[in-house]
Structure formats: structure tokens, C-alpha cells
C-alpha atoms as a PDB file:
ATOM      1  CA  UNK A   1     114.876  81.483  93.828  1.00  0.00           C
ATOM      2  CA  UNK A   2     115.680  84.966  92.477  1.00  0.00           C
ATOM      3  CA  UNK A   3     112.055  85.469  91.464  1.00  0.00           C
ATOM      4  CA  UNK A   4     110.874  84.625  94.975  1.00  0.00           C
ATOM      5  CA  UNK A   5     113.332  87.127  96.467  1.00  0.00           C
ATOM      6  CA  UNK A   6     112.167  89.834  94.032  1.00  0.00           C
ATOM      7  CA  UNK A   7     108.529  89.228  94.936  1.00  0.00           C
ATOM      8  CA  UNK A   8     109.385  89.395  98.663  1.00  0.00           C
ATOM      9  CA  UNK A   9     111.296  92.645  98.131  1.00  0.00           C
ATOM     10  CA  UNK A  10     108.369  94.162  96.219  1.00  0.00           C
ATOM     11  CA  UNK A  11     105.913  93.154  98.940  1.00  0.00           C
ATOM     12  CA  UNK A  12     108.163  94.565 101.643  1.00  0.00           C
ATOM     13  CA  UNK A  13     108.462  97.882  99.833  1.00  0.00           C
ATOM     14  CA  UNK A  14     104.716  98.016  99.225  1.00  0.00           C
ATOM     15  CA  UNK A  15     104.157  97.394 102.913  1.00  0.00           C
ATOM     16  CA  UNK A  16     106.203 100.471 103.802  1.00  0.00           C
ATOM     17  CA  UNK A  17     103.968 102.986 102.098  1.00  0.00           C
ATOM     18  CA  UNK A  18     102.049 105.162 104.524  1.00  0.00           C
ATOM     19  CA  UNK A  19      98.404 106.061 104.029  1.00  0.00           C
ATOM     20  CA  UNK A  20      97.556 109.737 103.546  1.00  0.00           C
ATOM     21  CA  UNK A  21      94.302 111.676 103.372  1.00  0.00           C
ATOM     22  CA  UNK A  22      92.479 112.046 100.069  1.00  0.00           C
ATOM     23  CA  UNK A  23      90.924 115.474  99.570  1.00  0.00           C
ATOM     24  CA  UNK A  24      87.589 116.304  97.987  1.00  0.00           C
ATOM     25  CA  UNK A  25      88.085 118.786  95.135  1.00  0.00           C
ATOM     26  CA  UNK A  26      86.201 121.633  96.844  1.00  0.00           C
ATOM     27  CA  UNK A  27      86.626 125.331  96.036  1.00  0.00           C
ATOM     28  CA  UNK A  28      89.518 125.736  98.483  1.00  0.00           C
ATOM     29  CA  UNK A  29      91.521 122.883  96.937  1.00  0.00           C
ATOM     30  CA  UNK A  30      90.887 124.237  93.452  1.00  0.00           C
ATOM     31  CA  UNK A  31      91.978 127.700  94.598  1.00  0.00           C
ATOM     32  CA  UNK A  32      95.277 126.660  96.251  1.00  0.00           C
ATOM     33  CA  UNK A  33      96.169 123.724  93.977  1.00  0.00           C
ATOM     34  CA  UNK A  34      97.488 120.229  94.652  1.00  0.00           C
ATOM     35  CA  UNK A  35     101.069 121.286  95.474  1.00  0.00           C
ATOM     36  CA  UNK A  36      99.938 123.568  98.307  1.00  0.00           C
ATOM     37  CA  UNK A  37      97.449 120.954  99.487  1.00  0.00           C
ATOM     38  CA  UNK A  38     100.248 118.375  99.816  1.00  0.00           C
ATOM     39  CA  UNK A  39     102.301 120.873 101.842  1.00  0.00           C
ATOM     40  CA  UNK A  40      99.290 121.464 104.085  1.00  0.00           C
ATOM     41  CA  UNK A  41      98.788 117.702 104.527  1.00  0.00           C
ATOM     42  CA  UNK A  42     102.473 117.398 105.483  1.00  0.00           C
ATOM     43  CA  UNK A  43     102.055 120.239 107.985  1.00  0.00           C
ATOM     44  CA  UNK A  44      99.011 118.595 109.577  1.00  0.00           C
ATOM     45  CA  UNK A  45     100.845 115.256 109.764  1.00  0.00           C
ATOM     46  CA  UNK A  46     103.831 116.908 111.463  1.00  0.00           C
ATOM     47  CA  UNK A  47     101.499 118.591 113.936  1.00  0.00           C
ATOM     48  CA  UNK A  48      99.798 115.253 114.667  1.00  0.00           C
ATOM     49  CA  UNK A  49     103.177 113.557 115.139  1.00  0.00           C
ATOM     50  CA  UNK A  50     104.225 116.257 117.596  1.00  0.00           C
ATOM     51  CA  UNK A  51     100.962 116.246 119.558  1.00  0.00           C
ATOM     52  CA  UNK A  52     100.176 112.534 119.755  1.00  0.00           C
ATOM     53  CA  UNK A  53     102.840 111.079 122.038  1.00  0.00           C
ATOM     54  CA  UNK A  54     101.753 107.454 122.314  1.00  0.00           C
ATOM     55  CA  UNK A  55     103.361 105.453 119.552  1.00  0.00           C
ATOM     56  CA  UNK A  56     102.984 101.938 118.212  1.00  0.00           C
ATOM     57  CA  UNK A  57     106.425 100.885 119.541  1.00  0.00           C
ATOM     58  CA  UNK A  58     105.173 100.173 123.079  1.00  0.00           C
ATOM     59  CA  UNK A  59     102.347  98.033 121.732  1.00  0.00           C
ATOM     60  CA  UNK A  60     104.702  96.268 119.301  1.00  0.00           C
ATOM     61  CA  UNK A  61     107.015  95.244 122.141  1.00  0.00           C
ATOM     62  CA  UNK A  62     104.109  94.056 124.310  1.00  0.00           C
ATOM     63  CA  UNK A  63     102.628  92.072 121.421  1.00  0.00           C
ATOM     64  CA  UNK A  64     105.999  90.490 120.595  1.00  0.00           C
ATOM     65  CA  UNK A  65     106.538  89.467 124.226  1.00  0.00           C
ATOM     66  CA  UNK A  66     103.026  88.021 124.439  1.00  0.00           C
ATOM     67  CA  UNK A  67     103.402  86.126 121.150  1.00  0.00           C
ATOM     68  CA  UNK A  68     106.827  84.868 122.216  1.00  0.00           C
ATOM     69  CA  UNK A  69     105.418  83.523 125.482  1.00  0.00           C
ATOM     70  CA  UNK A  70     102.510  81.843 123.717  1.00  0.00           C
ATOM     71  CA  UNK A  71     104.887  80.450 121.088  1.00  0.00           C
ATOM     72  CA  UNK A  72     107.216  79.112 123.787  1.00  0.00           C
ATOM     73  CA  UNK A  73     104.340  77.337 125.536  1.00  0.00           C
ATOM     74  CA  UNK A  74     103.120  75.832 122.279  1.00  0.00           C
ATOM     75  CA  UNK A  75     106.642  74.863 121.251  1.00  0.00           C
ATOM     76  CA  UNK A  76     107.334  73.255 124.624  1.00  0.00           C
ATOM     77  CA  UNK A  77     104.135  71.230 124.382  1.00  0.00           C
ATOM     78  CA  UNK A  78     104.961  70.083 120.857  1.00  0.00           C
ATOM     79  CA  UNK A  79     108.568  69.420 121.830  1.00  0.00           C
ATOM     80  CA  UNK A  80     107.473  67.359 124.830  1.00  0.00           C
ATOM     81  CA  UNK A  81     105.505  65.100 122.519  1.00  0.00           C
ATOM     82  CA  UNK A  82     108.574  64.578 120.309  1.00  0.00           C
ATOM     83  CA  UNK A  83     111.060  64.479 123.197  1.00  0.00           C
ATOM     84  CA  UNK A  84     112.684  67.942 122.825  1.00  0.00           C
ATOM     85  CA  UNK A  85     110.687  70.329 125.027  1.00  0.00           C
ATOM     86  CA  UNK A  86     113.553  72.847 125.403  1.00  0.00           C
ATOM     87  CA  UNK A  87     114.242  73.082 121.681  1.00  0.00           C
ATOM     88  CA  UNK A  88     110.522  73.292 120.955  1.00  0.00           C
ATOM     89  CA  UNK A  89     110.063  76.118 123.472  1.00  0.00           C
ATOM     90  CA  UNK A  90     112.955  78.093 121.984  1.00  0.00           C
ATOM     91  CA  UNK A  91     111.713  77.599 118.439  1.00  0.00           C
ATOM     92  CA  UNK A  92     108.154  78.496 119.413  1.00  0.00           C
ATOM     93  CA  UNK A  93     109.247  81.664 121.239  1.00  0.00           C
ATOM     94  CA  UNK A  94     111.371  82.823 118.324  1.00  0.00           C
ATOM     95  CA  UNK A  95     108.651  82.055 115.802  1.00  0.00           C
ATOM     96  CA  UNK A  96     105.912  83.751 117.833  1.00  0.00           C
ATOM     97  CA  UNK A  97     107.942  86.912 118.421  1.00  0.00           C
ATOM     98  CA  UNK A  98     109.050  87.104 114.785  1.00  0.00           C
ATOM     99  CA  UNK A  99     105.481  86.696 113.542  1.00  0.00           C
ATOM    100  CA  UNK A 100     104.246  89.402 115.899  1.00  0.00           C
ATOM    101  CA  UNK A 101     106.919  91.917 114.878  1.00  0.00           C
ATOM    102  CA  UNK A 102     106.337  91.184 111.178  1.00  0.00           C
ATOM    103  CA  UNK A 103     102.607  91.689 111.650  1.00  0.00           C
ATOM    104  CA  UNK A 104     103.245  94.995 113.447  1.00  0.00           C
ATOM    105  CA  UNK A 105     105.420  96.229 110.591  1.00  0.00           C
ATOM    106  CA  UNK A 106     102.608  95.712 108.096  1.00  0.00           C
ATOM    107  CA  UNK A 107      99.985  97.123 110.491  1.00  0.00           C
ATOM    108  CA  UNK A 108     102.103 100.233 111.149  1.00  0.00           C
ATOM    109  CA  UNK A 109     101.304 101.682 107.729  1.00  0.00           C
ATOM    110  CA  UNK A 110      97.743 102.211 108.961  1.00  0.00           C
ATOM    111  CA  UNK A 111      97.592 105.399 111.074  1.00  0.00           C
ATOM    112  CA  UNK A 112      95.671 105.212 114.339  1.00  0.00           C
ATOM    113  CA  UNK A 113      92.117 106.582 114.445  1.00  0.00           C
ATOM    114  CA  UNK A 114      93.276 109.404 116.748  1.00  0.00           C
ATOM    115  CA  UNK A 115      96.023 110.373 114.295  1.00  0.00           C
ATOM    116  CA  UNK A 116      93.567 110.354 111.372  1.00  0.00           C
ATOM    117  CA  UNK A 117      91.053 112.448 113.306  1.00  0.00           C
ATOM    118  CA  UNK A 118      93.744 114.985 114.241  1.00  0.00           C
ATOM    119  CA  UNK A 119      94.923 115.337 110.634  1.00  0.00           C
ATOM    120  CA  UNK A 120      91.355 115.483 109.281  1.00  0.00           C
ATOM    121  CA  UNK A 121      90.421 118.238 111.742  1.00  0.00           C
ATOM    122  CA  UNK A 122      93.584 120.190 110.948  1.00  0.00           C
ATOM    123  CA  UNK A 123      92.755 119.965 107.236  1.00  0.00           C
ATOM    124  CA  UNK A 124      89.148 121.071 107.853  1.00  0.00           C
ATOM    125  CA  UNK A 125      90.445 124.105 109.744  1.00  0.00           C
ATOM    126  CA  UNK A 126      92.591 124.932 106.691  1.00  0.00           C
ATOM    127  CA  UNK A 127      89.546 124.706 104.388  1.00  0.00           C
ATOM    128  CA  UNK A 128      89.958 121.179 102.978  1.00  0.00           C
ATOM    129  CA  UNK A 129      87.523 118.256 103.006  1.00  0.00           C
ATOM    130  CA  UNK A 130      89.115 114.841 103.576  1.00  0.00           C
ATOM    131  CA  UNK A 131      87.059 112.015 102.041  1.00  0.00           C
ATOM    132  CA  UNK A 132      89.207 109.116 103.239  1.00  0.00           C
ATOM    133  CA  UNK A 133      92.730 107.722 103.503  1.00  0.00           C
ATOM    134  CA  UNK A 134      94.759 105.625 101.048  1.00  0.00           C
END
């Protein structure tokens, strides 16, 4: 049981890492060095956070509500077959909402395309060349 908990903890921590841009080693990067480049990436990320106001939280709540409703309907149908429609609906709603929120947590480590484009453009304006995100 302890091994299972350790594996779950490791997977949860791995799921929390946030993707960042990877820079091509052009002349500007070689001139300023990796430490300055990381500071510039942080600056561009802060600027993107400040400028882009729509966050994933609104979508997460909508998705959880939708999944909960679908789960409740499925649970009620299954419960009706076994004679416990109310319990089935409650279990289905809880399961659907929990699955949706868990999925959103793991999806949230992937920045939105708009966020990536903002950061990439900011880095280009500073002289860097982003070749991808990881």
C-alpha cells in the first residue's frame, strides 16, 4: 500500500510542473548566458500573466458542472436498474465532477496557445528564438 501511495505522490508532483519555452542557442543567448535568459523568460511569463485575463478556472468550473450533471444522469439510470436511483445519481455526480477537476489539474500544466504566443513574441522582441515548450 505504501508503494502505491508513493507512486501516486510522484505522479501528482510530476503533474504540477509547468512547461516553459526552450531557446535556440543563437548569438543573443550565447552573449547573455542562460541565467539572464531564464530571468527574461520569467519576465515574459509575468507580462503574459498580467495581460491575459481569462484563466482556466472559469472553464474548470463549467467542465466540472457539466461532468457532474452527466454523471448524475448516468448514475440515476444505473441506480434505477438496481433500485437506488437517488444514490446512483449522487455517486455519478460526485464521480463525474471529481474526474473533471482531476483532468483539469493535469491539463493546467499546458499553457494556452495565446499564452505561449505572447511569451514567444516577448522573447523574440528581446532577441531570443523559442524552438518549443517543455
